[in-house]
Amino acid sequence: MLLPTTVVGSYSVPEWLERLKTDFYRKRLSAAHLSDIEDVAIKAAIKDQERAGIDIVSDGELRRDNDVDYLLARMPGVRPTTTVKSYYFDYYDLALTTPLTEQPVGLAEDFRFTREQTDKPIKFSFTGPFSLSRRIRDEAYGDRAELVRALARALNAEAHDLVRAGATMLQIDEPFLAGYPEQVALAVEAINIVTAGVEATWGLHVCYGNRYARPSWEGHYTFLFPTVLDARVDQLILEFARKGDEDLPAIADLGWDRALGLGVLDVKTEDVETSERVAKRISRALEVIDADKLIINPDCGLRHVTPPVARAKLRAMVEGAAVVRHRLLGTSEDLVAAGDSAAAD
């Protein structure tokens, strides 16, 4: 499909799910009961995406209370020094006490559950080795670069397991990388360890942080180049709605010739974009990026916006992408109607 729509990964977390996760941490709720509730939340997130018209859906990452703990806390050798959190999205204090093993820790089961809920293509995401390394107190390697490589090898085993379960689209999230631009070479080396030998369509998402709906850093995506050109991935997924599209010409000029995930929804505000605004953002990108290389998505995950806002933003994104797609491909009666609807927003 031309200009396919997708999500970055996480979906809006209902407030009741936040409270229930806290109950589990405080031994007031069983693991089985919490899993049942998370199943319901994931089904609802998928249904919201389907009803909005999203082409490639995710599980909303609704078993994960942030982008780090769910994965790291399952890895043998990684020990949470405390399980008490003052807020749902907080990170654990994690210590690595023994070298990591290269064995899957169960993400494939999450994918299988998602596959049972939808006939849509699924993108499955996980946090990359560089970002994971920033949240570990290393007591095993004594060398930050070797820790990153070890995490990459563990994630490679996870990716192989996901593909065996039927996953075809995998995404590596590196939300911490923008804060350490001098470490791009190490991050790309680790990304290539993750993707090595794994037959899937790979995306790499780099943003400027999304903690409590606030950016952690500012800057320009030019810091990724030219090193990111060596990354063995098929897509680069970036935020442009909040930051503006100033970096787009540079990304084209610096030689990125693969697919680009274009962030067209600002997930750090509850303001809902109109479909017309989304269409304009896509049209501006088309001035420098070929249409067959563009994928349309929010800037980052939708975790920190409310469910009604998430639904409205996704509808606007789908409608805006449809207007531009129809403009590129030609019109019919229903396509004209779609364009009229968007113009009225």
C-alpha atoms as a PDB file:
ATOM      1  CA  MET A   1       0.000   0.000   0.000  1.00  0.00           C
ATOM      2  CA  LEU A   2       1.139   3.550  -0.732  1.00  0.00           C
ATOM      3  CA  LEU A   3       1.594   5.604   2.481  1.00  0.00           C
ATOM      4  CA  PRO A   4       0.691   2.778   4.900  1.00  0.00           C
ATOM      5  CA  THR A   5      -0.291   3.861   8.406  1.00  0.00           C
ATOM      6  CA  THR A   6       1.038   2.292  11.575  1.00  0.00           C
ATOM      7  CA  VAL A   7       1.864   3.060  15.202  1.00  0.00           C
ATOM      8  CA  VAL A   8       5.247   3.293  16.886  1.00  0.00           C
ATOM      9  CA  GLY A   9       4.398   0.738  19.559  1.00  0.00           C
ATOM     10  CA  SER A  10       2.778   1.769  22.820  1.00  0.00           C
ATOM     11  CA  TYR A  11      -0.876   2.713  23.129  1.00  0.00           C
ATOM     12  CA  SER A  12      -2.750   4.825  25.647  1.00  0.00           C
ATOM     13  CA  VAL A  13      -2.655   3.256  29.120  1.00  0.00           C
ATOM     14  CA  PRO A  14      -6.060   3.362  30.854  1.00  0.00           C
ATOM     15  CA  GLU A  15      -5.840   4.774  34.369  1.00  0.00           C
ATOM     16  CA  TRP A  16      -7.423   1.635  35.803  1.00  0.00           C
ATOM     17  CA  LEU A  17      -4.595  -0.451  34.367  1.00  0.00           C
ATOM     18  CA  GLU A  18      -2.041   1.756  36.112  1.00  0.00           C
ATOM     19  CA  ARG A  19      -3.707   1.193  39.483  1.00  0.00           C
ATOM     20  CA  LEU A  20      -4.001  -2.560  38.977  1.00  0.00           C
ATOM     21  CA  LYS A  21      -0.312  -2.897  38.147  1.00  0.00           C
ATOM     22  CA  THR A  22       0.484  -1.155  41.437  1.00  0.00           C
ATOM     23  CA  ASP A  23      -1.798  -3.608  43.230  1.00  0.00           C
ATOM     24  CA  PHE A  24       0.175  -6.463  41.697  1.00  0.00           C
ATOM     25  CA  TYR A  25       3.492  -5.001  42.844  1.00  0.00           C
ATOM     26  CA  ARG A  26       2.065  -4.728  46.362  1.00  0.00           C
ATOM     27  CA  LYS A  27       0.834  -8.347  46.374  1.00  0.00           C
ATOM     28  CA  ARG A  28      -2.853  -7.412  46.252  1.00  0.00           C
ATOM     29  CA  LEU A  29      -3.419  -8.977  42.831  1.00  0.00           C
ATOM     30  CA  SER A  30      -2.247 -12.288  41.410  1.00  0.00           C
ATOM     31  CA  ALA A  31      -0.108 -12.579  38.282  1.00  0.00           C
ATOM     32  CA  ALA A  32      -2.834 -14.645  36.596  1.00  0.00           C
ATOM     33  CA  HIS A  33      -5.503 -12.032  37.312  1.00  0.00           C
ATOM     34  CA  LEU A  34      -3.263  -9.217  36.076  1.00  0.00           C
ATOM     35  CA  SER A  35      -2.507 -11.156  32.881  1.00  0.00           C
ATOM     36  CA  ASP A  36      -6.224 -11.600  32.218  1.00  0.00           C
ATOM     37  CA  ILE A  37      -6.771  -7.867  32.615  1.00  0.00           C
ATOM     38  CA  GLU A  38      -3.841  -7.052  30.336  1.00  0.00           C
ATOM     39  CA  ASP A  39      -5.350  -9.399  27.728  1.00  0.00           C
ATOM     40  CA  VAL A  40      -8.519  -7.306  27.780  1.00  0.00           C
ATOM     41  CA  ALA A  41      -6.555  -4.047  27.495  1.00  0.00           C
ATOM     42  CA  ILE A  42      -4.574  -5.360  24.514  1.00  0.00           C
ATOM     43  CA  LYS A  43      -7.737  -6.524  22.745  1.00  0.00           C
ATOM     44  CA  ALA A  44      -9.224  -3.052  23.226  1.00  0.00           C
ATOM     45  CA  ALA A  45      -6.069  -1.351  21.925  1.00  0.00           C
ATOM     46  CA  ILE A  46      -6.054  -3.512  18.806  1.00  0.00           C
ATOM     47  CA  LYS A  47      -9.752  -2.838  18.245  1.00  0.00           C
ATOM     48  CA  ASP A  48      -9.153   0.916  18.559  1.00  0.00           C
ATOM     49  CA  GLN A  49      -6.410   0.722  15.935  1.00  0.00           C
ATOM     50  CA  GLU A  50      -8.553  -1.371  13.602  1.00  0.00           C
ATOM     51  CA  ARG A  51     -11.545   0.955  13.929  1.00  0.00           C
ATOM     52  CA  ALA A  52      -9.318   3.938  13.216  1.00  0.00           C
ATOM     53  CA  GLY A  53      -8.190   2.207  10.013  1.00  0.00           C
ATOM     54  CA  ILE A  54      -4.540   1.615  10.945  1.00  0.00           C
ATOM     55  CA  ASP A  55      -2.903  -0.678   8.388  1.00  0.00           C
ATOM     56  CA  ILE A  56      -0.160  -2.194  10.595  1.00  0.00           C
ATOM     57  CA  VAL A  57      -1.110  -2.580  14.272  1.00  0.00           C
ATOM     58  CA  SER A  58       0.703  -3.355  17.522  1.00  0.00           C
ATOM     59  CA  ASP A  59      -0.271  -4.859  20.872  1.00  0.00           C
ATOM     60  CA  GLY A  60      -0.005  -1.403  22.418  1.00  0.00           C
ATOM     61  CA  GLU A  61       2.757  -2.718  24.721  1.00  0.00           C
ATOM     62  CA  LEU A  62       0.108  -2.838  27.433  1.00  0.00           C
ATOM     63  CA  ARG A  63       1.879  -5.530  29.435  1.00  0.00           C
ATOM     64  CA  ARG A  64       4.805  -3.121  29.870  1.00  0.00           C
ATOM     65  CA  ASP A  65       4.761  -0.309  32.393  1.00  0.00           C
ATOM     66  CA  ASN A  66       7.648   1.392  30.608  1.00  0.00           C
ATOM     67  CA  ASP A  67      10.080   0.768  27.757  1.00  0.00           C
ATOM     68  CA  VAL A  68      12.761  -0.958  29.840  1.00  0.00           C
ATOM     69  CA  ASP A  69      11.653  -2.945  32.857  1.00  0.00           C
ATOM     70  CA  TYR A  70       9.389  -5.514  31.225  1.00  0.00           C
ATOM     71  CA  LEU A  71      12.245  -6.895  29.169  1.00  0.00           C
ATOM     72  CA  LEU A  72      15.219  -6.411  31.478  1.00  0.00           C
ATOM     73  CA  ALA A  73      13.539  -7.770  34.607  1.00  0.00           C
ATOM     74  CA  ARG A  74      12.974 -11.070  32.766  1.00  0.00           C
ATOM     75  CA  MET A  75      16.615 -11.532  31.807  1.00  0.00           C
ATOM     76  CA  PRO A  76      18.561 -13.977  33.991  1.00  0.00           C
ATOM     77  CA  GLY A  77      21.207 -12.075  35.901  1.00  0.00           C
ATOM     78  CA  VAL A  78      19.314  -8.776  36.003  1.00  0.00           C
ATOM     79  CA  ARG A  79      18.019  -8.038  39.505  1.00  0.00           C
ATOM     80  CA  PRO A  80      15.620  -5.261  40.543  1.00  0.00           C
ATOM     81  CA  THR A  81      16.985  -3.866  43.793  1.00  0.00           C
ATOM     82  CA  THR A  82      13.436  -2.804  44.697  1.00  0.00           C
ATOM     83  CA  THR A  83       9.991  -3.455  43.247  1.00  0.00           C
ATOM     84  CA  VAL A  84       8.408  -0.370  44.816  1.00  0.00           C
ATOM     85  CA  LYS A  85       7.540   2.441  42.428  1.00  0.00           C
ATOM     86  CA  SER A  86       6.044   5.799  43.258  1.00  0.00           C
ATOM     87  CA  TYR A  87       4.493   6.014  39.795  1.00  0.00           C
ATOM     88  CA  TYR A  88       3.467   3.456  37.204  1.00  0.00           C
ATOM     89  CA  PHE A  89       5.876   4.612  34.479  1.00  0.00           C
ATOM     90  CA  ASP A  90       8.914   4.847  36.770  1.00  0.00           C
ATOM     91  CA  TYR A  91      11.941   2.658  36.160  1.00  0.00           C
ATOM     92  CA  TYR A  92      13.227   0.022  38.531  1.00  0.00           C
ATOM     93  CA  ASP A  93      16.738   0.310  39.856  1.00  0.00           C
ATOM     94  CA  LEU A  94      18.269  -2.661  38.015  1.00  0.00           C
ATOM     95  CA  ALA A  95      21.577  -4.368  38.648  1.00  0.00           C
ATOM     96  CA  LEU A  96      23.289  -6.913  36.402  1.00  0.00           C
ATOM     97  CA  THR A  97      25.109  -9.355  38.671  1.00  0.00           C
ATOM     98  CA  THR A  98      26.158 -12.114  36.245  1.00  0.00           C
ATOM     99  CA  PRO A  99      26.830 -12.190  32.489  1.00  0.00           C
ATOM    100  CA  LEU A 100      23.719 -12.344  30.336  1.00  0.00           C
ATOM    101  CA  THR A 101      22.561 -15.541  28.687  1.00  0.00           C
ATOM    102  CA  GLU A 102      21.459 -15.668  25.060  1.00  0.00           C
ATOM    103  CA  GLN A 103      18.051 -17.192  25.549  1.00  0.00           C
ATOM    104  CA  PRO A 104      14.544 -15.856  24.810  1.00  0.00           C
ATOM    105  CA  VAL A 105      12.588 -14.506  27.755  1.00  0.00           C
ATOM    106  CA  GLY A 106       9.049 -14.799  26.398  1.00  0.00           C
ATOM    107  CA  LEU A 107       8.212 -11.963  24.006  1.00  0.00           C
ATOM    108  CA  ALA A 108       7.140 -14.558  21.442  1.00  0.00           C
ATOM    109  CA  GLU A 109       4.209 -15.472  23.677  1.00  0.00           C
ATOM    110  CA  ASP A 110       3.091 -11.835  23.601  1.00  0.00           C
ATOM    111  CA  PHE A 111       3.260 -11.884  19.818  1.00  0.00           C
ATOM    112  CA  ARG A 112       1.265 -15.119  19.581  1.00  0.00           C
ATOM    113  CA  PHE A 113      -1.512 -13.634  21.697  1.00  0.00           C
ATOM    114  CA  THR A 114      -1.620 -10.541  19.480  1.00  0.00           C
ATOM    115  CA  ARG A 115      -1.662 -12.654  16.317  1.00  0.00           C
ATOM    116  CA  GLU A 116      -4.794 -14.426  17.604  1.00  0.00           C
ATOM    117  CA  GLN A 117      -6.652 -11.115  17.981  1.00  0.00           C
ATOM    118  CA  THR A 118      -6.311  -9.586  14.520  1.00  0.00           C
ATOM    119  CA  ASP A 119      -5.957 -10.345  10.833  1.00  0.00           C
ATOM    120  CA  LYS A 120      -4.009  -7.103  10.303  1.00  0.00           C
ATOM    121  CA  PRO A 121      -0.233  -7.067   9.795  1.00  0.00           C
ATOM    122  CA  ILE A 122       1.508  -6.687  13.171  1.00  0.00           C
ATOM    123  CA  LYS A 123       4.609  -4.743  14.073  1.00  0.00           C
ATOM    124  CA  PHE A 124       6.288  -5.931  17.269  1.00  0.00           C
ATOM    125  CA  SER A 125       8.698  -3.579  19.002  1.00  0.00           C
ATOM    126  CA  PHE A 126      11.257  -3.809  21.765  1.00  0.00           C
ATOM    127  CA  THR A 127      13.795  -1.433  23.267  1.00  0.00           C
ATOM    128  CA  GLY A 128      17.272  -1.624  21.780  1.00  0.00           C
ATOM    129  CA  PRO A 129      20.497  -2.647  23.504  1.00  0.00           C
ATOM    130  CA  PHE A 130      21.987   0.818  23.827  1.00  0.00           C
ATOM    131  CA  SER A 131      18.937   2.264  25.601  1.00  0.00           C
ATOM    132  CA  LEU A 132      18.571  -0.809  27.818  1.00  0.00           C
ATOM    133  CA  SER A 133      22.194  -0.451  28.909  1.00  0.00           C
ATOM    134  CA  ARG A 134      21.551   3.049  30.264  1.00  0.00           C
ATOM    135  CA  ARG A 135      19.190   1.652  32.919  1.00  0.00           C
ATOM    136  CA  ILE A 136      21.461  -1.107  34.290  1.00  0.00           C
ATOM    137  CA  ARG A 137      24.032  -0.885  37.045  1.00  0.00           C
ATOM    138  CA  ASP A 138      26.693  -3.147  35.569  1.00  0.00           C
ATOM    139  CA  GLU A 139      28.313  -5.499  38.071  1.00  0.00           C
ATOM    140  CA  ALA A 140      29.167  -8.215  35.539  1.00  0.00           C
ATOM    141  CA  TYR A 141      31.176  -6.778  32.624  1.00  0.00           C
ATOM    142  CA  GLY A 142      32.904  -3.638  33.827  1.00  0.00           C
ATOM    143  CA  ASP A 143      32.826  -2.356  30.251  1.00  0.00           C
ATOM    144  CA  ARG A 144      29.812  -0.399  29.019  1.00  0.00           C
ATOM    145  CA  ALA A 145      30.421  -1.285  25.368  1.00  0.00           C
ATOM    146  CA  GLU A 146      30.599  -5.008  26.144  1.00  0.00           C
ATOM    147  CA  LEU A 147      27.364  -4.734  28.133  1.00  0.00           C
ATOM    148  CA  VAL A 148      25.672  -3.198  25.079  1.00  0.00           C
ATOM    149  CA  ARG A 149      26.954  -6.008  22.854  1.00  0.00           C
ATOM    150  CA  ALA A 150      25.809  -8.650  25.348  1.00  0.00           C
ATOM    151  CA  LEU A 151      22.329  -7.128  25.441  1.00  0.00           C
ATOM    152  CA  ALA A 152      22.332  -7.150  21.635  1.00  0.00           C
ATOM    153  CA  ARG A 153      23.148 -10.856  21.551  1.00  0.00           C
ATOM    154  CA  ALA A 154      20.308 -11.563  23.996  1.00  0.00           C
ATOM    155  CA  LEU A 155      17.903  -9.535  21.840  1.00  0.00           C
ATOM    156  CA  ASN A 156      19.059 -11.388  18.736  1.00  0.00           C
ATOM    157  CA  ALA A 157      17.959 -14.644  20.387  1.00  0.00           C
ATOM    158  CA  GLU A 158      14.639 -12.964  21.247  1.00  0.00           C
ATOM    159  CA  ALA A 159      14.197 -11.820  17.641  1.00  0.00           C
ATOM    160  CA  HIS A 160      14.845 -15.316  16.299  1.00  0.00           C
ATOM    161  CA  ASP A 161      12.187 -16.627  18.705  1.00  0.00           C
ATOM    162  CA  LEU A 162       9.715 -13.964  17.569  1.00  0.00           C
ATOM    163  CA  VAL A 163      10.219 -14.900  13.920  1.00  0.00           C
ATOM    164  CA  ARG A 164       9.685 -18.570  14.747  1.00  0.00           C
ATOM    165  CA  ALA A 165       6.382 -17.496  16.305  1.00  0.00           C
ATOM    166  CA  GLY A 166       5.387 -15.815  13.030  1.00  0.00           C
ATOM    167  CA  ALA A 167       6.556 -12.216  13.438  1.00  0.00           C
ATOM    168  CA  THR A 168       7.533 -10.547  10.164  1.00  0.00           C
ATOM    169  CA  MET A 169       7.927  -6.887  11.220  1.00  0.00           C
ATOM    170  CA  LEU A 170      10.197  -6.038  14.137  1.00  0.00           C
ATOM    171  CA  GLN A 171      11.177  -2.637  15.474  1.00  0.00           C
ATOM    172  CA  ILE A 172      14.109  -1.606  17.655  1.00  0.00           C
ATOM    173  CA  ASP A 173      13.459   1.457  19.809  1.00  0.00           C
ATOM    174  CA  GLU A 174      16.431   3.570  20.866  1.00  0.00           C
ATOM    175  CA  PRO A 175      14.878   6.441  22.864  1.00  0.00           C
ATOM    176  CA  PHE A 176      18.099   7.150  24.787  1.00  0.00           C
ATOM    177  CA  LEU A 177      20.379   7.498  21.780  1.00  0.00           C
ATOM    178  CA  ALA A 178      19.606  11.175  21.170  1.00  0.00           C
ATOM    179  CA  GLY A 179      21.066  11.932  24.594  1.00  0.00           C
ATOM    180  CA  TYR A 180      24.390  10.301  23.712  1.00  0.00           C
ATOM    181  CA  PRO A 181      25.110  11.295  20.096  1.00  0.00           C
ATOM    182  CA  GLU A 182      28.785  10.405  20.485  1.00  0.00           C
ATOM    183  CA  GLN A 183      27.716   6.762  20.981  1.00  0.00           C
ATOM    184  CA  VAL A 184      26.004   6.280  17.599  1.00  0.00           C
ATOM    185  CA  ALA A 185      28.730   3.956  16.299  1.00  0.00           C
ATOM    186  CA  LEU A 186      28.335   1.608  19.285  1.00  0.00           C
ATOM    187  CA  ALA A 187      24.547   1.698  18.971  1.00  0.00           C
ATOM    188  CA  VAL A 188      24.636   0.842  15.256  1.00  0.00           C
ATOM    189  CA  GLU A 189      27.137  -1.970  15.902  1.00  0.00           C
ATOM    190  CA  ALA A 190      24.724  -3.379  18.490  1.00  0.00           C
ATOM    191  CA  ILE A 191      21.699  -2.962  16.217  1.00  0.00           C
ATOM    192  CA  ASN A 192      23.455  -5.061  13.599  1.00  0.00           C
ATOM    193  CA  ILE A 193      24.070  -7.769  16.201  1.00  0.00           C
ATOM    194  CA  VAL A 194      20.334  -7.744  17.010  1.00  0.00           C
ATOM    195  CA  THR A 195      19.242  -8.074  13.391  1.00  0.00           C
ATOM    196  CA  ALA A 196      21.934 -10.559  12.286  1.00  0.00           C
ATOM    197  CA  GLY A 197      20.426 -13.625  10.636  1.00  0.00           C
ATOM    198  CA  VAL A 198      16.838 -12.631  11.479  1.00  0.00           C
ATOM    199  CA  GLU A 199      14.590 -12.697   8.416  1.00  0.00           C
ATOM    200  CA  ALA A 200      12.159  -9.873   9.104  1.00  0.00           C
ATOM    201  CA  THR A 201      11.407  -6.335   8.035  1.00  0.00           C
ATOM    202  CA  TRP A 202      13.341  -4.256  10.557  1.00  0.00           C
ATOM    203  CA  GLY A 203      12.588  -0.736  11.727  1.00  0.00           C
ATOM    204  CA  LEU A 204      14.730   1.524  13.897  1.00  0.00           C
ATOM    205  CA  HIS A 205      12.899   4.164  15.928  1.00  0.00           C
ATOM    206  CA  VAL A 206      14.916   7.072  17.311  1.00  0.00           C
ATOM    207  CA  CYS A 207      13.220   9.901  19.178  1.00  0.00           C
ATOM    208  CA  TYR A 208      14.171  12.546  21.707  1.00  0.00           C
ATOM    209  CA  GLY A 209      12.561  10.791  24.645  1.00  0.00           C
ATOM    210  CA  ASN A 210       8.949  10.497  25.768  1.00  0.00           C
ATOM    211  CA  ARG A 211       9.000  10.368  29.563  1.00  0.00           C
ATOM    212  CA  TYR A 212       5.682  11.547  31.001  1.00  0.00           C
ATOM    213  CA  ALA A 213       4.882  13.135  27.613  1.00  0.00           C
ATOM    214  CA  ARG A 214       7.986  15.316  27.710  1.00  0.00           C
ATOM    215  CA  PRO A 215      11.129  15.189  25.577  1.00  0.00           C
ATOM    216  CA  SER A 216      14.354  14.341  27.374  1.00  0.00           C
ATOM    217  CA  TRP A 217      16.646  16.017  24.821  1.00  0.00           C
ATOM    218  CA  GLU A 218      16.577  18.361  21.858  1.00  0.00           C
ATOM    219  CA  GLY A 219      18.644  18.424  18.690  1.00  0.00           C
ATOM    220  CA  HIS A 220      18.699  17.360  15.063  1.00  0.00           C
ATOM    221  CA  TYR A 221      18.704  13.927  13.476  1.00  0.00           C
ATOM    222  CA  THR A 222      21.831  14.761  11.529  1.00  0.00           C
ATOM    223  CA  PHE A 223      23.773  13.313  14.493  1.00  0.00           C
ATOM    224  CA  LEU A 224      22.830   9.847  13.211  1.00  0.00           C
ATOM    225  CA  PHE A 225      24.656  10.310   9.912  1.00  0.00           C
ATOM    226  CA  PRO A 226      26.609   8.914   8.214  1.00  0.00           C
ATOM    227  CA  THR A 227      26.895   6.065  10.767  1.00  0.00           C
ATOM    228  CA  VAL A 228      23.236   5.038  10.608  1.00  0.00           C
ATOM    229  CA  LEU A 229      23.669   4.224   6.919  1.00  0.00           C
ATOM    230  CA  ASP A 230      25.532   1.101   8.077  1.00  0.00           C
ATOM    231  CA  ALA A 231      22.577  -0.112  10.168  1.00  0.00           C
ATOM    232  CA  ARG A 232      21.072  -3.298   8.759  1.00  0.00           C
ATOM    233  CA  VAL A 233      17.490  -2.096   9.023  1.00  0.00           C
ATOM    234  CA  ASP A 234      14.815  -1.437   6.412  1.00  0.00           C
ATOM    235  CA  GLN A 235      13.132   1.592   7.967  1.00  0.00           C
ATOM    236  CA  LEU A 236      14.151   4.617  10.009  1.00  0.00           C
ATOM    237  CA  ILE A 237      11.253   5.881  12.162  1.00  0.00           C
ATOM    238  CA  LEU A 238      11.587   9.477  13.396  1.00  0.00           C
ATOM    239  CA  GLU A 239       9.545  12.236  15.044  1.00  0.00           C
ATOM    240  CA  PHE A 240       8.686  15.299  12.973  1.00  0.00           C
ATOM    241  CA  ALA A 241       5.298  16.549  14.208  1.00  0.00           C
ATOM    242  CA  ARG A 242       6.602  18.051  17.457  1.00  0.00           C
ATOM    243  CA  LYS A 243      10.016  19.023  16.087  1.00  0.00           C
ATOM    244  CA  GLY A 244       8.930  20.193  12.657  1.00  0.00           C
ATOM    245  CA  ASP A 245      10.269  18.938   9.356  1.00  0.00           C
ATOM    246  CA  GLU A 246      13.491  20.949   9.270  1.00  0.00           C
ATOM    247  CA  ASP A 247      15.554  17.732   9.313  1.00  0.00           C
ATOM    248  CA  LEU A 248      13.769  16.131   6.347  1.00  0.00           C
ATOM    249  CA  PRO A 249      15.873  17.666   3.535  1.00  0.00           C
ATOM    250  CA  ALA A 250      19.064  16.839   5.427  1.00  0.00           C
ATOM    251  CA  ILE A 251      18.054  13.204   5.871  1.00  0.00           C
ATOM    252  CA  ALA A 252      17.475  12.925   2.133  1.00  0.00           C
ATOM    253  CA  ASP A 253      20.713  14.757   1.315  1.00  0.00           C
ATOM    254  CA  LEU A 254      22.729  12.586   3.712  1.00  0.00           C
ATOM    255  CA  GLY A 255      21.858   9.478   1.752  1.00  0.00           C
ATOM    256  CA  TRP A 256      18.978   7.694   3.501  1.00  0.00           C
ATOM    257  CA  ASP A 257      17.411   5.720   0.642  1.00  0.00           C
ATOM    258  CA  ARG A 258      15.324   3.180   2.552  1.00  0.00           C
ATOM    259  CA  ALA A 259      11.848   3.544   4.051  1.00  0.00           C
ATOM    260  CA  LEU A 260      11.203   6.452   6.408  1.00  0.00           C
ATOM    261  CA  GLY A 261       8.609   6.347   9.175  1.00  0.00           C
ATOM    262  CA  LEU A 262       7.246   9.894   9.186  1.00  0.00           C
ATOM    263  CA  GLY A 263       6.011  11.142  12.570  1.00  0.00           C
ATOM    264  CA  VAL A 264       2.893  13.218  11.877  1.00  0.00           C
ATOM    265  CA  LEU A 265       1.200  13.171  15.317  1.00  0.00           C
ATOM    266  CA  ASP A 266       2.628  15.035  18.304  1.00  0.00           C
ATOM    267  CA  VAL A 267       2.161  12.581  21.179  1.00  0.00           C
ATOM    268  CA  LYS A 268       3.358  15.100  23.776  1.00  0.00           C
ATOM    269  CA  THR A 269       0.156  17.125  23.577  1.00  0.00           C
ATOM    270  CA  GLU A 270      -3.519  16.281  24.027  1.00  0.00           C
ATOM    271  CA  ASP A 271      -4.379  18.606  21.136  1.00  0.00           C
ATOM    272  CA  VAL A 272      -5.811  16.521  18.300  1.00  0.00           C
ATOM    273  CA  GLU A 273      -4.467  17.213  14.835  1.00  0.00           C
ATOM    274  CA  THR A 274      -6.948  17.670  12.018  1.00  0.00           C
ATOM    275  CA  SER A 275      -6.708  15.353   9.061  1.00  0.00           C
ATOM    276  CA  GLU A 276      -5.892  18.432   6.970  1.00  0.00           C
ATOM    277  CA  ARG A 277      -2.860  19.183   9.133  1.00  0.00           C
ATOM    278  CA  VAL A 278      -1.694  15.589   8.821  1.00  0.00           C
ATOM    279  CA  ALA A 279      -2.125  15.737   5.040  1.00  0.00           C
ATOM    280  CA  LYS A 280      -0.033  18.915   4.887  1.00  0.00           C
ATOM    281  CA  ARG A 281       2.757  17.296   6.915  1.00  0.00           C
ATOM    282  CA  ILE A 282       2.809  14.331   4.554  1.00  0.00           C
ATOM    283  CA  SER A 283       2.737  16.573   1.497  1.00  0.00           C
ATOM    284  CA  ARG A 284       5.732  18.564   2.744  1.00  0.00           C
ATOM    285  CA  ALA A 285       7.661  15.328   3.268  1.00  0.00           C
ATOM    286  CA  LEU A 286       6.858  14.275  -0.294  1.00  0.00           C
ATOM    287  CA  GLU A 287       8.821  17.274  -1.530  1.00  0.00           C
ATOM    288  CA  VAL A 288      12.041  15.491  -0.528  1.00  0.00           C
ATOM    289  CA  ILE A 289      11.091  11.796   0.061  1.00  0.00           C
ATOM    290  CA  ASP A 290       9.553   9.483  -2.545  1.00  0.00           C
ATOM    291  CA  ALA A 291       6.010   8.395  -1.738  1.00  0.00           C
ATOM    292  CA  ASP A 292       6.853   4.697  -1.987  1.00  0.00           C
ATOM    293  CA  LYS A 293       9.407   5.125   0.811  1.00  0.00           C
ATOM    294  CA  LEU A 294       7.101   6.854   3.329  1.00  0.00           C
ATOM    295  CA  ILE A 295       5.321   5.142   6.216  1.00  0.00           C
ATOM    296  CA  ILE A 296       2.917   7.266   8.246  1.00  0.00           C
ATOM    297  CA  ASN A 297       3.001   7.026  12.052  1.00  0.00           C
ATOM    298  CA  PRO A 298       2.846   9.084  15.258  1.00  0.00           C
ATOM    299  CA  ASP A 299       6.081  10.640  16.544  1.00  0.00           C
ATOM    300  CA  CYS A 300       6.387   8.078  19.357  1.00  0.00           C
ATOM    301  CA  GLY A 301       4.163   5.751  21.342  1.00  0.00           C
ATOM    302  CA  LEU A 302       0.748   6.973  22.496  1.00  0.00           C
ATOM    303  CA  ARG A 303       1.256   5.795  26.074  1.00  0.00           C
ATOM    304  CA  HIS A 304       0.898   9.201  27.712  1.00  0.00           C
ATOM    305  CA  VAL A 305      -2.253  10.513  26.010  1.00  0.00           C
ATOM    306  CA  THR A 306      -5.765   9.570  27.101  1.00  0.00           C
ATOM    307  CA  PRO A 307      -7.684   6.871  25.202  1.00  0.00           C
ATOM    308  CA  PRO A 308     -10.162   9.321  23.584  1.00  0.00           C
ATOM    309  CA  VAL A 309      -7.286  11.498  22.391  1.00  0.00           C
ATOM    310  CA  ALA A 310      -5.375   8.468  21.083  1.00  0.00           C
ATOM    311  CA  ARG A 311      -8.411   7.332  19.107  1.00  0.00           C
ATOM    312  CA  ALA A 312      -9.006  10.795  17.658  1.00  0.00           C
ATOM    313  CA  LYS A 313      -5.359  11.285  16.698  1.00  0.00           C
ATOM    314  CA  LEU A 314      -5.222   7.920  14.917  1.00  0.00           C
ATOM    315  CA  ARG A 315      -8.421   8.680  12.985  1.00  0.00           C
ATOM    316  CA  ALA A 316      -6.973  12.012  11.868  1.00  0.00           C
ATOM    317  CA  MET A 317      -3.748  10.304  10.796  1.00  0.00           C
ATOM    318  CA  VAL A 318      -5.571   7.690   8.737  1.00  0.00           C
ATOM    319  CA  GLU A 319      -7.848  10.268   7.106  1.00  0.00           C
ATOM    320  CA  GLY A 320      -4.963  12.628   6.345  1.00  0.00           C
ATOM    321  CA  ALA A 321      -2.919   9.822   4.791  1.00  0.00           C
ATOM    322  CA  ALA A 322      -5.942   8.783   2.725  1.00  0.00           C
ATOM    323  CA  VAL A 323      -6.363  12.293   1.321  1.00  0.00           C
ATOM    324  CA  VAL A 324      -2.743  12.390   0.134  1.00  0.00           C
ATOM    325  CA  ARG A 325      -2.845   8.805  -1.154  1.00  0.00           C
ATOM    326  CA  HIS A 326      -5.983   9.531  -3.147  1.00  0.00           C
ATOM    327  CA  ARG A 327      -4.409  12.685  -4.529  1.00  0.00           C
ATOM    328  CA  LEU A 328      -1.436  10.653  -5.741  1.00  0.00           C
ATOM    329  CA  LEU A 329      -3.436   7.749  -7.136  1.00  0.00           C
ATOM    330  CA  GLY A 330      -6.485   9.526  -8.566  1.00  0.00           C
ATOM    331  CA  THR A 331     -10.025   9.933  -7.313  1.00  0.00           C
ATOM    332  CA  SER A 332     -13.426   8.290  -7.358  1.00  0.00           C
ATOM    333  CA  GLU A 333     -16.682   9.339  -5.705  1.00  0.00           C
ATOM    334  CA  ASP A 334     -15.742   7.912  -2.325  1.00  0.00           C
ATOM    335  CA  LEU A 335     -12.219   9.342  -2.549  1.00  0.00           C
ATOM    336  CA  VAL A 336     -13.579  12.802  -3.222  1.00  0.00           C
ATOM    337  CA  ALA A 337     -15.866  12.398  -0.226  1.00  0.00           C
ATOM    338  CA  ALA A 338     -12.890  11.514   1.947  1.00  0.00           C
ATOM    339  CA  GLY A 339     -11.083  14.643   0.770  1.00  0.00           C
ATOM    340  CA  ASP A 340     -14.136  16.827   1.415  1.00  0.00           C
ATOM    341  CA  SER A 341     -14.419  15.406   4.932  1.00  0.00           C
ATOM    342  CA  ALA A 342     -10.771  16.174   5.681  1.00  0.00           C
ATOM    343  CA  ALA A 343     -11.030  19.714   4.306  1.00  0.00           C
ATOM    344  CA  ALA A 344     -13.974  20.367   6.608  1.00  0.00           C
ATOM    345  CA  ASP A 345     -11.948  19.467   9.763  1.00  0.00           C
END
